Amino acid sequence: MYKRVLVATDGSALSEQAVAAAIDLAVLSGAELVAVNVAHIEPFGYFEGSMMLSQRDIEATQEQTNRAAQRLVDRVAATALDKGVRNAQAIVMKSNQVAEAIVATAKNQECDLIVMASHGRRSLARLLMGSETLHVLTHSHIPVLVLR
């Protein structure tokens, strides 16, 4: 059925449900699992009034973000292996374009299914925040399983 399943996670309760479903699907189909988190790239400066962050502060914040993202996907991969997935990878993509990073990772890792959650935002919240899930759905060339 599936050979390699990509699951996108941001650590939220909803994405954890998608992780559990992806792991179950990988076990049932004998597929490998690729867990991905997109770590945002910190800007080089903030203009809150007249305050700017130093380069050291920016680098420390970015490193903290990267470590948290790596811990998250490492935990997903370990859980998958414990539950019987034959192979699990943990990947952190560094980008501010979440949907593009997910689609690119799925393509680069030769995945044949993307599993992710949708927060189900409507109207103004969707307009203001956008929908990474919708973007993945419209730009992916492989099937996308969306859980809500």
Protein backbone atom coordinates (compact mmCIF):
# COMPACT_ATOMS: atom_id res chain seq x y z
CA MET A 1 0.00 0.00 0.00
CA TYR A 2 2.34 2.78 1.24
CA LYS A 3 6.11 2.50 1.35
CA ARG A 4 7.05 5.75 3.06
CA VAL A 5 4.71 7.98 5.05
CA LEU A 6 5.60 11.55 6.00
CA VAL A 7 3.96 12.99 9.11
CA ALA A 8 4.19 16.70 9.80
CA THR A 9 4.07 17.73 13.43
CA ASP A 10 4.22 20.96 15.35
CA GLY A 11 3.83 19.37 18.78
CA SER A 12 0.23 20.52 19.26
CA ALA A 13 -2.39 18.12 20.63
CA LEU A 14 -4.04 17.99 17.22
CA SER A 15 -0.81 17.16 15.41
CA GLU A 16 -0.10 14.46 18.01
CA GLN A 17 -3.33 12.77 16.88
CA ALA A 18 -2.03 12.92 13.30
CA VAL A 19 1.26 11.40 14.48
CA ALA A 20 -0.57 8.52 16.17
CA ALA A 21 -2.64 7.89 13.03
CA ALA A 22 0.45 8.01 10.80
CA ILE A 23 2.30 5.55 13.03
CA ASP A 24 -0.68 3.17 13.02
CA LEU A 25 -0.94 3.46 9.24
CA ALA A 26 2.80 2.81 8.82
CA VAL A 27 2.59 -0.27 11.04
CA LEU A 28 -0.45 -1.63 9.18
CA SER A 29 1.05 -1.08 5.74
CA GLY A 30 4.65 -1.98 6.61
CA ALA A 31 5.78 1.49 5.60
CA GLU A 32 8.67 3.59 6.80
CA LEU A 33 7.88 6.82 8.63
CA VAL A 34 9.40 10.25 8.12
CA ALA A 35 8.61 12.72 10.89
CA VAL A 36 9.13 16.36 9.96
CA ASN A 37 8.93 19.62 11.85
CA VAL A 38 9.50 22.99 10.24
CA ALA A 39 11.55 25.24 12.51
CA HIS A 40 10.99 28.89 11.77
CA ILE A 41 14.04 30.95 10.90
CA GLU A 42 14.44 33.80 13.34
CA PRO A 43 14.60 37.28 11.78
CA PHE A 44 17.82 39.25 12.07
CA GLY A 45 16.22 42.02 14.07
CA TYR A 46 13.05 43.07 15.80
CA PHE A 47 11.79 46.60 15.84
CA GLU A 48 9.67 46.74 18.97
CA GLY A 49 9.82 50.45 19.53
CA SER A 50 13.51 51.15 19.29
CA MET A 51 14.80 47.85 20.69
CA MET A 52 16.76 45.41 18.56
CA LEU A 53 18.04 41.99 19.54
CA SER A 54 21.74 41.35 19.37
CA GLN A 55 23.13 38.82 16.93
CA ARG A 56 24.02 36.58 19.89
CA ASP A 57 20.41 36.67 21.15
CA ILE A 58 19.07 35.88 17.69
CA GLU A 59 21.47 32.93 17.30
CA ALA A 60 20.61 31.62 20.78
CA THR A 61 16.90 31.81 20.03
CA GLN A 62 17.39 30.03 16.70
CA GLU A 63 19.45 27.29 18.35
CA GLN A 64 16.79 26.83 21.02
CA THR A 65 14.11 26.56 18.31
CA ASN A 66 16.18 24.03 16.37
CA ARG A 67 16.84 21.88 19.46
CA ALA A 68 13.15 21.86 20.42
CA ALA A 69 12.18 20.86 16.88
CA GLN A 70 14.76 18.06 16.82
CA ARG A 71 13.57 16.71 20.19
CA LEU A 72 10.01 16.70 18.88
CA VAL A 73 10.73 14.67 15.75
CA ASP A 74 13.18 12.40 17.57
CA ARG A 75 10.38 11.55 20.02
CA VAL A 76 8.02 10.76 17.12
CA ALA A 77 10.62 8.51 15.47
CA ALA A 78 11.33 6.69 18.74
CA THR A 79 7.63 6.14 19.38
CA ALA A 80 7.21 4.80 15.84
CA LEU A 81 10.06 2.34 16.26
CA ASP A 82 8.69 1.22 19.64
CA LYS A 83 5.32 0.53 18.02
CA GLY A 84 6.81 -1.61 15.27
CA VAL A 85 7.52 0.74 12.36
CA ARG A 86 10.44 -0.83 10.52
CA ASN A 87 12.30 2.44 9.92
CA ALA A 88 11.68 5.98 11.14
CA GLN A 89 13.51 9.20 10.32
CA ALA A 90 13.41 12.51 12.16
CA ILE A 91 13.89 15.59 10.01
CA VAL A 92 13.90 19.27 10.92
CA MET A 93 13.49 21.72 8.06
CA LYS A 94 14.51 25.31 8.69
CA SER A 95 12.13 27.59 6.82
CA ASN A 96 9.45 30.21 7.26
CA GLN A 97 7.44 28.61 4.47
CA VAL A 98 5.97 25.65 6.29
CA ALA A 99 3.84 24.14 3.53
CA GLU A 100 6.59 24.40 0.92
CA ALA A 101 9.05 22.74 3.31
CA ILE A 102 6.64 19.86 3.97
CA VAL A 103 5.98 19.28 0.26
CA ALA A 104 9.70 19.50 -0.56
CA THR A 105 10.59 17.04 2.20
CA ALA A 106 7.98 14.58 0.98
CA LYS A 107 9.40 14.82 -2.52
CA ASN A 108 13.05 14.58 -1.43
CA GLN A 109 12.36 11.60 0.84
CA GLU A 110 10.28 9.87 -1.87
CA CYS A 111 7.21 9.64 0.37
CA ASP A 112 3.96 8.37 -1.08
CA LEU A 113 1.65 9.86 1.58
CA ILE A 114 1.62 12.99 3.74
CA VAL A 115 -0.28 12.87 7.02
CA MET A 116 -1.01 16.11 8.85
CA ALA A 117 -3.58 17.83 11.02
CA SER A 118 -5.80 20.77 10.23
CA HIS A 119 -6.88 23.15 12.94
CA GLY A 120 -10.09 23.82 11.01
CA ARG A 121 -9.93 27.59 11.22
CA ARG A 122 -12.70 29.41 9.40
CA SER A 123 -13.37 32.87 8.02
CA LEU A 124 -11.29 35.69 9.51
CA ALA A 125 -8.89 33.45 11.47
CA ARG A 126 -8.14 31.50 8.29
CA LEU A 127 -7.69 34.69 6.33
CA LEU A 128 -5.33 36.16 8.90
CA MET A 129 -3.36 33.02 9.74
CA GLY A 130 -3.59 31.19 6.44
CA SER A 131 -3.80 27.46 6.16
CA GLU A 132 -0.62 25.48 5.80
CA THR A 133 -2.71 22.33 5.38
CA LEU A 134 -4.66 23.84 2.49
CA HIS A 135 -1.40 24.94 0.88
CA VAL A 136 0.02 21.41 1.18
CA LEU A 137 -3.21 19.97 -0.26
CA THR A 138 -3.12 22.24 -3.28
CA HIS A 139 0.61 21.93 -4.00
CA SER A 140 1.39 18.30 -3.21
CA HIS A 141 1.63 15.78 -6.02
CA ILE A 142 1.13 12.88 -3.62
CA PRO A 143 -1.93 12.04 -1.51
CA VAL A 144 -2.46 14.00 1.71
CA LEU A 145 -4.39 12.58 4.66
CA VAL A 146 -5.77 15.41 6.78
CA LEU A 147 -6.99 14.76 10.31
CA ARG A 148 -9.15 17.09 12.38
